[in-house]
All heavy atoms as atom14 arrays in JSON, in Angstrom:
{
  "sequence": "GLSHYSRAAVSFNRALRLMTEINNPYGQAICHSGLGNVQNLL",
  "atom14_mask": [
    [1, 1, 1, 1, 0, 0, 0, 0, 0, 0, 0, 0, 0, 0],
    [1, 1, 1, 1, 1, 1, 1, 1, 0, 0, 0, 0, 0, 0],
    [1, 1, 1, 1, 1, 1, 0, 0, 0, 0, 0, 0, 0, 0],
    [1, 1, 1, 1, 1, 1, 1, 1, 1, 1, 0, 0, 0, 0],
    [1, 1, 1, 1, 1, 1, 1, 1, 1, 1, 1, 1, 0, 0],
    [1, 1, 1, 1, 1, 1, 0, 0, 0, 0, 0, 0, 0, 0],
    [1, 1, 1, 1, 1, 1, 1, 1, 1, 1, 1, 0, 0, 0],
    [1, 1, 1, 1, 1, 0, 0, 0, 0, 0, 0, 0, 0, 0],
    [1, 1, 1, 1, 1, 0, 0, 0, 0, 0, 0, 0, 0, 0],
    [1, 1, 1, 1, 1, 1, 1, 0, 0, 0, 0, 0, 0, 0],
    [1, 1, 1, 1, 1, 1, 0, 0, 0, 0, 0, 0, 0, 0],
    [1, 1, 1, 1, 1, 1, 1, 1, 1, 1, 1, 0, 0, 0],
    [1, 1, 1, 1, 1, 1, 1, 1, 0, 0, 0, 0, 0, 0],
    [1, 1, 1, 1, 1, 1, 1, 1, 1, 1, 1, 0, 0, 0],
    [1, 1, 1, 1, 1, 0, 0, 0, 0, 0, 0, 0, 0, 0],
    [1, 1, 1, 1, 1, 1, 1, 1, 0, 0, 0, 0, 0, 0],
    [1, 1, 1, 1, 1, 1, 1, 1, 1, 1, 1, 0, 0, 0],
    [1, 1, 1, 1, 1, 1, 1, 1, 0, 0, 0, 0, 0, 0],
    [1, 1, 1, 1, 1, 1, 1, 1, 0, 0, 0, 0, 0, 0],
    [1, 1, 1, 1, 1, 1, 1, 0, 0, 0, 0, 0, 0, 0],
    [1, 1, 1, 1, 1, 1, 1, 1, 1, 0, 0, 0, 0, 0],
    [1, 1, 1, 1, 1, 1, 1, 1, 0, 0, 0, 0, 0, 0],
    [1, 1, 1, 1, 1, 1, 1, 1, 0, 0, 0, 0, 0, 0],
    [1, 1, 1, 1, 1, 1, 1, 1, 0, 0, 0, 0, 0, 0],
    [1, 1, 1, 1, 1, 1, 1, 0, 0, 0, 0, 0, 0, 0],
    [1, 1, 1, 1, 1, 1, 1, 1, 1, 1, 1, 1, 0, 0],
    [1, 1, 1, 1, 0, 0, 0, 0, 0, 0, 0, 0, 0, 0],
    [1, 1, 1, 1, 1, 1, 1, 1, 1, 0, 0, 0, 0, 0],
    [1, 1, 1, 1, 1, 0, 0, 0, 0, 0, 0, 0, 0, 0],
    [1, 1, 1, 1, 1, 1, 1, 1, 0, 0, 0, 0, 0, 0],
    [1, 1, 1, 1, 1, 1, 0, 0, 0, 0, 0, 0, 0, 0],
    [1, 1, 1, 1, 1, 1, 1, 1, 1, 1, 0, 0, 0, 0],
    [1, 1, 1, 1, 1, 1, 0, 0, 0, 0, 0, 0, 0, 0],
    [1, 1, 1, 1, 0, 0, 0, 0, 0, 0, 0, 0, 0, 0],
    [1, 1, 1, 1, 1, 1, 1, 1, 0, 0, 0, 0, 0, 0],
    [1, 1, 1, 1, 0, 0, 0, 0, 0, 0, 0, 0, 0, 0],
    [1, 1, 1, 1, 1, 1, 1, 1, 0, 0, 0, 0, 0, 0],
    [1, 1, 1, 1, 1, 1, 1, 0, 0, 0, 0, 0, 0, 0],
    [1, 1, 1, 1, 1, 1, 1, 1, 1, 0, 0, 0, 0, 0],
    [1, 1, 1, 1, 1, 1, 1, 1, 0, 0, 0, 0, 0, 0],
    [1, 1, 1, 1, 1, 1, 1, 1, 0, 0, 0, 0, 0, 0],
    [1, 1, 1, 1, 1, 1, 1, 1, 0, 0, 0, 0, 0, 0]
  ],
  "atom14_positions": [
    [[-7.62, 18.31, -2.62], [-8.87, 18.97, -2.99], [-8.67, 20.15, -3.92], [-9.57, 20.51, -4.69], [0.0, 0.0, 0.0], [0.0, 0.0, 0.0], [0.0, 0.0, 0.0], [0.0, 0.0, 0.0], [0.0, 0.0, 0.0], [0.0, 0.0, 0.0], [0.0, 0.0, 0.0], [0.0, 0.0, 0.0], [0.0, 0.0, 0.0], [0.0, 0.0, 0.0]],
    [[-7.49, 20.74, -3.86], [-7.16, 21.87, -4.75], [-6.47, 21.41, -6.04], [-6.04, 22.22, -6.84], [-6.23, 22.85, -4.01], [-6.84, 23.54, -2.79], [-5.75, 24.28, -2.01], [-7.95, 24.49, -3.22], [0.0, 0.0, 0.0], [0.0, 0.0, 0.0], [0.0, 0.0, 0.0], [0.0, 0.0, 0.0], [0.0, 0.0, 0.0], [0.0, 0.0, 0.0]],
    [[-6.38, 20.1, -6.21], [-5.72, 19.47, -7.38], [-4.22, 19.76, -7.45], [-3.62, 19.73, -8.52], [-6.4, 19.89, -8.69], [-7.75, 19.5, -8.68], [0.0, 0.0, 0.0], [0.0, 0.0, 0.0], [0.0, 0.0, 0.0], [0.0, 0.0, 0.0], [0.0, 0.0, 0.0], [0.0, 0.0, 0.0], [0.0, 0.0, 0.0], [0.0, 0.0, 0.0]],
    [[-3.61, 20.02, -6.31], [-2.15, 20.19, -6.23], [-1.56, 18.86, -5.75], [-1.14, 18.71, -4.61], [-1.78, 21.31, -5.25], [-2.23, 22.67, -5.67], [-1.73, 23.3, -6.78], [-3.16, 23.5, -5.14], [-2.3, 24.48, -6.91], [-3.19, 24.62, -5.93], [0.0, 0.0, 0.0], [0.0, 0.0, 0.0], [0.0, 0.0, 0.0], [0.0, 0.0, 0.0]],
    [[-1.56, 17.9, -6.66], [-1.24, 16.52, -6.28], [0.21, 16.33, -5.87], [0.5, 15.54, -4.97], [-1.63, 15.56, -7.4], [-3.08, 15.68, -7.77], [-3.49, 15.94, -9.07], [-4.06, 15.58, -6.79], [-4.83, 16.05, -9.4], [-5.41, 15.7, -7.1], [-5.78, 15.94, -8.4], [-7.12, 16.07, -8.71], [0.0, 0.0, 0.0], [0.0, 0.0, 0.0]],
    [[1.13, 17.04, -6.5], [2.55, 16.91, -6.1], [2.75, 17.42, -4.68], [3.47, 16.81, -3.88], [3.45, 17.67, -7.06], [3.43, 17.08, -8.33], [0.0, 0.0, 0.0], [0.0, 0.0, 0.0], [0.0, 0.0, 0.0], [0.0, 0.0, 0.0], [0.0, 0.0, 0.0], [0.0, 0.0, 0.0], [0.0, 0.0, 0.0], [0.0, 0.0, 0.0]],
    [[2.12, 18.54, -4.35], [2.22, 19.07, -2.99], [1.54, 18.13, -2.0], [2.01, 17.96, -0.88], [1.6, 20.45, -2.91], [2.4, 21.5, -3.63], [1.76, 22.85, -3.52], [2.54, 23.85, -4.22], [2.17, 25.1, -4.37], [1.01, 25.51, -3.87], [2.93, 25.95, -5.01], [0.0, 0.0, 0.0], [0.0, 0.0, 0.0], [0.0, 0.0, 0.0]],
    [[0.44, 17.53, -2.42], [-0.24, 16.57, -1.56], [0.68, 15.39, -1.26], [0.76, 14.94, -0.11], [-1.53, 16.08, -2.23], [0.0, 0.0, 0.0], [0.0, 0.0, 0.0], [0.0, 0.0, 0.0], [0.0, 0.0, 0.0], [0.0, 0.0, 0.0], [0.0, 0.0, 0.0], [0.0, 0.0, 0.0], [0.0, 0.0, 0.0], [0.0, 0.0, 0.0]],
    [[1.39, 14.92, -2.27], [2.3, 13.78, -2.08], [3.39, 14.13, -1.07], [3.73, 13.3, -0.21], [2.91, 13.37, -3.41], [0.0, 0.0, 0.0], [0.0, 0.0, 0.0], [0.0, 0.0, 0.0], [0.0, 0.0, 0.0], [0.0, 0.0, 0.0], [0.0, 0.0, 0.0], [0.0, 0.0, 0.0], [0.0, 0.0, 0.0], [0.0, 0.0, 0.0]],
    [[3.91, 15.35, -1.14], [4.94, 15.77, -0.19], [4.38, 15.73, 1.23], [5.02, 15.22, 2.16], [5.47, 17.18, -0.54], [6.34, 17.74, 0.58], [6.25, 17.15, -1.84], [0.0, 0.0, 0.0], [0.0, 0.0, 0.0], [0.0, 0.0, 0.0], [0.0, 0.0, 0.0], [0.0, 0.0, 0.0], [0.0, 0.0, 0.0], [0.0, 0.0, 0.0]],
    [[3.18, 16.24, 1.41], [2.58, 16.27, 2.75], [2.28, 14.86, 3.26], [2.54, 14.55, 4.42], [1.3, 17.11, 2.73], [1.61, 18.46, 2.48], [0.0, 0.0, 0.0], [0.0, 0.0, 0.0], [0.0, 0.0, 0.0], [0.0, 0.0, 0.0], [0.0, 0.0, 0.0], [0.0, 0.0, 0.0], [0.0, 0.0, 0.0], [0.0, 0.0, 0.0]],
    [[1.73, 14.01, 2.39], [1.46, 12.62, 2.8], [2.76, 11.91, 3.16], [2.79, 11.12, 4.11], [0.72, 11.86, 1.71], [-0.73, 12.25, 1.55], [-1.26, 12.46, 0.3], [-1.56, 12.39, 2.65], [-2.59, 12.81, 0.13], [-2.89, 12.73, 2.51], [-3.41, 12.94, 1.24], [0.0, 0.0, 0.0], [0.0, 0.0, 0.0], [0.0, 0.0, 0.0]],
    [[3.82, 12.17, 2.41], [5.12, 11.55, 2.73], [5.64, 12.01, 4.08], [6.2, 11.21, 4.84], [6.15, 11.87, 1.64], [6.16, 10.84, 0.54], [6.14, 9.65, 0.81], [6.18, 11.3, -0.69], [0.0, 0.0, 0.0], [0.0, 0.0, 0.0], [0.0, 0.0, 0.0], [0.0, 0.0, 0.0], [0.0, 0.0, 0.0], [0.0, 0.0, 0.0]],
    [[5.49, 13.3, 4.39], [5.91, 13.8, 5.7], [5.1, 13.13, 6.81], [5.66, 12.74, 7.83], [5.77, 15.31, 5.76], [6.8, 16.03, 4.94], [6.63, 17.52, 5.0], [7.67, 18.17, 4.22], [7.61, 19.41, 3.81], [6.56, 20.17, 4.12], [8.58, 19.94, 3.11], [0.0, 0.0, 0.0], [0.0, 0.0, 0.0], [0.0, 0.0, 0.0]],
    [[3.8, 13.01, 6.59], [2.95, 12.35, 7.58], [3.37, 10.89, 7.75], [3.48, 10.39, 8.88], [1.49, 12.44, 7.16], [0.0, 0.0, 0.0], [0.0, 0.0, 0.0], [0.0, 0.0, 0.0], [0.0, 0.0, 0.0], [0.0, 0.0, 0.0], [0.0, 0.0, 0.0], [0.0, 0.0, 0.0], [0.0, 0.0, 0.0], [0.0, 0.0, 0.0]],
    [[3.63, 10.21, 6.63], [4.05, 8.8, 6.68], [5.35, 8.64, 7.45], [5.49, 7.73, 8.27], [4.18, 8.25, 5.27], [4.67, 6.81, 5.16], [3.75, 5.85, 5.9], [4.82, 6.42, 3.7], [0.0, 0.0, 0.0], [0.0, 0.0, 0.0], [0.0, 0.0, 0.0], [0.0, 0.0, 0.0], [0.0, 0.0, 0.0], [0.0, 0.0, 0.0]],
    [[6.31, 9.52, 7.18], [7.59, 9.44, 7.88], [7.38, 9.54, 9.39], [7.94, 8.75, 10.16], [8.53, 10.54, 7.4], [9.9, 10.52, 8.07], [10.81, 11.64, 7.59], [10.17, 12.93, 7.51], [10.0, 13.77, 8.54], [10.41, 13.45, 9.74], [9.41, 14.94, 8.38], [0.0, 0.0, 0.0], [0.0, 0.0, 0.0], [0.0, 0.0, 0.0]],
    [[6.56, 10.48, 9.81], [6.31, 10.65, 11.24], [5.57, 9.45, 11.82], [5.9, 8.98, 12.92], [5.53, 11.94, 11.49], [6.34, 13.22, 11.29], [5.4, 14.42, 11.16], [7.32, 13.42, 12.43], [0.0, 0.0, 0.0], [0.0, 0.0, 0.0], [0.0, 0.0, 0.0], [0.0, 0.0, 0.0], [0.0, 0.0, 0.0], [0.0, 0.0, 0.0]],
    [[4.57, 8.95, 11.11], [3.83, 7.79, 11.59], [4.73, 6.56, 11.7], [4.59, 5.74, 12.6], [2.63, 7.48, 10.69], [1.51, 8.48, 10.8], [0.74, 8.49, 12.44], [-0.65, 9.55, 12.13], [0.0, 0.0, 0.0], [0.0, 0.0, 0.0], [0.0, 0.0, 0.0], [0.0, 0.0, 0.0], [0.0, 0.0, 0.0], [0.0, 0.0, 0.0]],
    [[5.69, 6.46, 10.79], [6.65, 5.35, 10.83], [7.58, 5.51, 12.03], [7.85, 4.53, 12.74], [7.45, 5.29, 9.52], [6.53, 5.12, 8.43], [8.45, 4.14, 9.54], [0.0, 0.0, 0.0], [0.0, 0.0, 0.0], [0.0, 0.0, 0.0], [0.0, 0.0, 0.0], [0.0, 0.0, 0.0], [0.0, 0.0, 0.0], [0.0, 0.0, 0.0]],
    [[8.04, 6.73, 12.27], [8.93, 6.98, 13.41], [8.27, 6.62, 14.74], [8.95, 6.13, 15.65], [9.33, 8.47, 13.45], [10.33, 8.86, 12.39], [10.62, 10.35, 12.4], [10.18, 11.08, 13.33], [11.3, 10.81, 11.46], [0.0, 0.0, 0.0], [0.0, 0.0, 0.0], [0.0, 0.0, 0.0], [0.0, 0.0, 0.0], [0.0, 0.0, 0.0]],
    [[6.98, 6.87, 14.86], [6.3, 6.57, 16.13], [5.66, 5.18, 16.13], [4.98, 4.81, 17.08], [5.26, 7.65, 16.5], [4.14, 7.73, 15.46], [5.93, 8.99, 16.71], [2.99, 8.63, 15.87], [0.0, 0.0, 0.0], [0.0, 0.0, 0.0], [0.0, 0.0, 0.0], [0.0, 0.0, 0.0], [0.0, 0.0, 0.0], [0.0, 0.0, 0.0]],
    [[5.88, 4.45, 15.04], [5.38, 3.08, 14.91], [3.86, 3.01, 15.08], [3.34, 2.26, 15.91], [6.09, 2.14, 15.89], [5.85, 0.68, 15.55], [5.65, 0.34, 14.39], [5.88, -0.17, 16.55], [0.0, 0.0, 0.0], [0.0, 0.0, 0.0], [0.0, 0.0, 0.0], [0.0, 0.0, 0.0], [0.0, 0.0, 0.0], [0.0, 0.0, 0.0]],
    [[3.14, 3.79, 14.26], [1.68, 3.8, 14.29], [1.18, 3.14, 13.0], [1.1, 3.79, 11.96], [1.17, 5.24, 14.39], [-0.33, 5.32, 14.53], [-1.06, 4.66, 13.82], [-0.77, 6.15, 15.46], [0.0, 0.0, 0.0], [0.0, 0.0, 0.0], [0.0, 0.0, 0.0], [0.0, 0.0, 0.0], [0.0, 0.0, 0.0], [0.0, 0.0, 0.0]],
    [[0.85, 1.85, 13.05], [0.47, 1.12, 11.83], [-0.78, 1.69, 11.15], [-0.84, 1.75, 9.93], [0.22, -0.31, 12.31], [0.9, -0.42, 13.62], [0.91, 0.95, 14.21], [0.0, 0.0, 0.0], [0.0, 0.0, 0.0], [0.0, 0.0, 0.0], [0.0, 0.0, 0.0], [0.0, 0.0, 0.0], [0.0, 0.0, 0.0], [0.0, 0.0, 0.0]],
    [[-1.78, 2.08, 11.93], [-2.98, 2.65, 11.33], [-2.65, 3.95, 10.61], [-3.07, 4.17, 9.49], [-4.06, 2.89, 12.39], [-5.28, 3.58, 11.82], [-6.19, 2.87, 11.06], [-5.49, 4.94, 12.03], [-7.3, 3.49, 10.5], [-6.6, 5.58, 11.49], [-7.49, 4.85, 10.73], [-8.58, 5.48, 10.18], [0.0, 0.0, 0.0], [0.0, 0.0, 0.0]],
    [[-1.88, 4.8, 11.25], [-1.47, 6.06, 10.64], [-0.68, 5.82, 9.37], [-0.85, 6.52, 8.36], [0.0, 0.0, 0.0], [0.0, 0.0, 0.0], [0.0, 0.0, 0.0], [0.0, 0.0, 0.0], [0.0, 0.0, 0.0], [0.0, 0.0, 0.0], [0.0, 0.0, 0.0], [0.0, 0.0, 0.0], [0.0, 0.0, 0.0], [0.0, 0.0, 0.0]],
    [[0.2, 4.82, 9.39], [0.98, 4.49, 8.2], [0.05, 4.05, 7.07], [0.23, 4.44, 5.92], [1.97, 3.38, 8.52], [3.09, 3.83, 9.44], [3.96, 2.66, 9.86], [4.42, 1.9, 9.03], [4.18, 2.53, 11.16], [0.0, 0.0, 0.0], [0.0, 0.0, 0.0], [0.0, 0.0, 0.0], [0.0, 0.0, 0.0], [0.0, 0.0, 0.0]],
    [[-0.95, 3.25, 7.41], [-1.88, 2.74, 6.39], [-2.66, 3.86, 5.72], [-2.78, 3.89, 4.49], [-2.84, 1.73, 7.02], [0.0, 0.0, 0.0], [0.0, 0.0, 0.0], [0.0, 0.0, 0.0], [0.0, 0.0, 0.0], [0.0, 0.0, 0.0], [0.0, 0.0, 0.0], [0.0, 0.0, 0.0], [0.0, 0.0, 0.0], [0.0, 0.0, 0.0]],
    [[-3.17, 4.81, 6.51], [-3.95, 5.87, 5.88], [-3.06, 6.82, 5.08], [-3.49, 7.35, 4.06], [-4.83, 6.63, 6.89], [-4.01, 7.36, 7.94], [-5.85, 5.71, 7.54], [-4.8, 8.32, 8.79], [0.0, 0.0, 0.0], [0.0, 0.0, 0.0], [0.0, 0.0, 0.0], [0.0, 0.0, 0.0], [0.0, 0.0, 0.0], [0.0, 0.0, 0.0]],
    [[-1.81, 6.98, 5.51], [-0.88, 7.81, 4.73], [-0.54, 7.14, 3.41], [-0.48, 7.79, 2.36], [0.39, 8.09, 5.53], [0.12, 9.19, 6.93], [0.0, 0.0, 0.0], [0.0, 0.0, 0.0], [0.0, 0.0, 0.0], [0.0, 0.0, 0.0], [0.0, 0.0, 0.0], [0.0, 0.0, 0.0], [0.0, 0.0, 0.0], [0.0, 0.0, 0.0]],
    [[-0.34, 5.82, 3.44], [-0.11, 5.07, 2.2], [-1.3, 5.19, 1.26], [-1.14, 5.33, 0.05], [0.18, 3.59, 2.49], [1.59, 3.3, 2.86], [2.64, 3.44, 1.98], [2.13, 2.88, 4.03], [3.77, 3.11, 2.59], [3.48, 2.78, 3.84], [0.0, 0.0, 0.0], [0.0, 0.0, 0.0], [0.0, 0.0, 0.0], [0.0, 0.0, 0.0]],
    [[-2.49, 5.17, 1.81], [-3.7, 5.3, 1.0], [-3.74, 6.66, 0.3], [-4.02, 6.74, -0.9], [-4.94, 5.12, 1.88], [-6.11, 5.32, 1.13], [0.0, 0.0, 0.0], [0.0, 0.0, 0.0], [0.0, 0.0, 0.0], [0.0, 0.0, 0.0], [0.0, 0.0, 0.0], [0.0, 0.0, 0.0], [0.0, 0.0, 0.0], [0.0, 0.0, 0.0]],
    [[-3.46, 7.72, 1.06], [-3.43, 9.05, 0.45], [-2.36, 9.16, -0.62], [-2.59, 9.71, -1.7], [0.0, 0.0, 0.0], [0.0, 0.0, 0.0], [0.0, 0.0, 0.0], [0.0, 0.0, 0.0], [0.0, 0.0, 0.0], [0.0, 0.0, 0.0], [0.0, 0.0, 0.0], [0.0, 0.0, 0.0], [0.0, 0.0, 0.0], [0.0, 0.0, 0.0]],
    [[-1.19, 8.62, -0.32], [-0.09, 8.64, -1.3], [-0.45, 7.87, -2.56], [-0.19, 8.34, -3.68], [1.17, 8.03, -0.69], [2.08, 8.98, 0.04], [3.16, 8.2, 0.79], [2.71, 9.96, -0.92], [0.0, 0.0, 0.0], [0.0, 0.0, 0.0], [0.0, 0.0, 0.0], [0.0, 0.0, 0.0], [0.0, 0.0, 0.0], [0.0, 0.0, 0.0]],
    [[-1.03, 6.71, -2.39], [-1.43, 5.91, -3.55], [-2.43, 6.65, -4.42], [-2.35, 6.63, -5.65], [0.0, 0.0, 0.0], [0.0, 0.0, 0.0], [0.0, 0.0, 0.0], [0.0, 0.0, 0.0], [0.0, 0.0, 0.0], [0.0, 0.0, 0.0], [0.0, 0.0, 0.0], [0.0, 0.0, 0.0], [0.0, 0.0, 0.0], [0.0, 0.0, 0.0]],
    [[-3.35, 7.34, -3.77], [-4.36, 8.09, -4.5], [-3.73, 9.19, -5.35], [-4.02, 9.31, -6.54], [-5.36, 8.68, -3.5], [-6.49, 9.4, -4.18], [-6.32, 10.52, -4.64], [-7.63, 8.74, -4.24], [0.0, 0.0, 0.0], [0.0, 0.0, 0.0], [0.0, 0.0, 0.0], [0.0, 0.0, 0.0], [0.0, 0.0, 0.0], [0.0, 0.0, 0.0]],
    [[-2.86, 9.99, -4.75], [-2.27, 11.09, -5.53], [-1.28, 10.59, -6.57], [-1.2, 11.16, -7.66], [-1.65, 12.2, -4.64], [-2.72, 12.89, -3.82], [-0.54, 11.69, -3.77], [0.0, 0.0, 0.0], [0.0, 0.0, 0.0], [0.0, 0.0, 0.0], [0.0, 0.0, 0.0], [0.0, 0.0, 0.0], [0.0, 0.0, 0.0], [0.0, 0.0, 0.0]],
    [[-0.56, 9.52, -6.28], [0.36, 8.97, -7.28], [-0.43, 8.47, -8.49], [0.01, 8.63, -9.64], [1.24, 7.87, -6.69], [2.21, 8.34, -5.64], [3.22, 9.36, -6.14], [3.36, 9.62, -7.33], [3.94, 9.97, -5.21], [0.0, 0.0, 0.0], [0.0, 0.0, 0.0], [0.0, 0.0, 0.0], [0.0, 0.0, 0.0], [0.0, 0.0, 0.0]],
    [[-1.58, 7.89, -8.25], [-2.44, 7.46, -9.35], [-2.88, 8.66, -10.19], [-2.84, 8.62, -11.41], [-3.66, 6.72, -8.79], [-4.56, 6.2, -9.87], [-4.12, 5.48, -10.77], [-5.83, 6.57, -9.8], [0.0, 0.0, 0.0], [0.0, 0.0, 0.0], [0.0, 0.0, 0.0], [0.0, 0.0, 0.0], [0.0, 0.0, 0.0], [0.0, 0.0, 0.0]],
    [[-3.27, 9.74, -9.51], [-3.7, 10.94, -10.23], [-2.56, 11.61, -10.99], [-2.79, 12.31, -11.98], [-4.35, 11.92, -9.26], [-5.67, 11.45, -8.66], [-6.1, 12.34, -7.51], [-6.75, 11.4, -9.73], [0.0, 0.0, 0.0], [0.0, 0.0, 0.0], [0.0, 0.0, 0.0], [0.0, 0.0, 0.0], [0.0, 0.0, 0.0], [0.0, 0.0, 0.0]],
    [[-1.33, 11.39, -10.53], [-0.15, 11.92, -11.22], [0.37, 10.96, -12.29], [1.42, 11.19, -12.87], [0.97, 12.21, -10.19], [0.72, 13.38, -9.25], [1.72, 13.37, -8.11], [0.78, 14.7, -10.01], [0.0, 0.0, 0.0], [0.0, 0.0, 0.0], [0.0, 0.0, 0.0], [0.0, 0.0, 0.0], [0.0, 0.0, 0.0], [0.0, 0.0, 0.0]]
  ]
}
């Protein structure tokens, strides 16, 4: 929301790593969605 897309990607990656560690498929999916969005903007 602040247009800090690189920082957003770092946060989404951290969230994805944790969701993967706990094997939460829904959480992984929404993290991938956020990551895809910011990578597109970058």
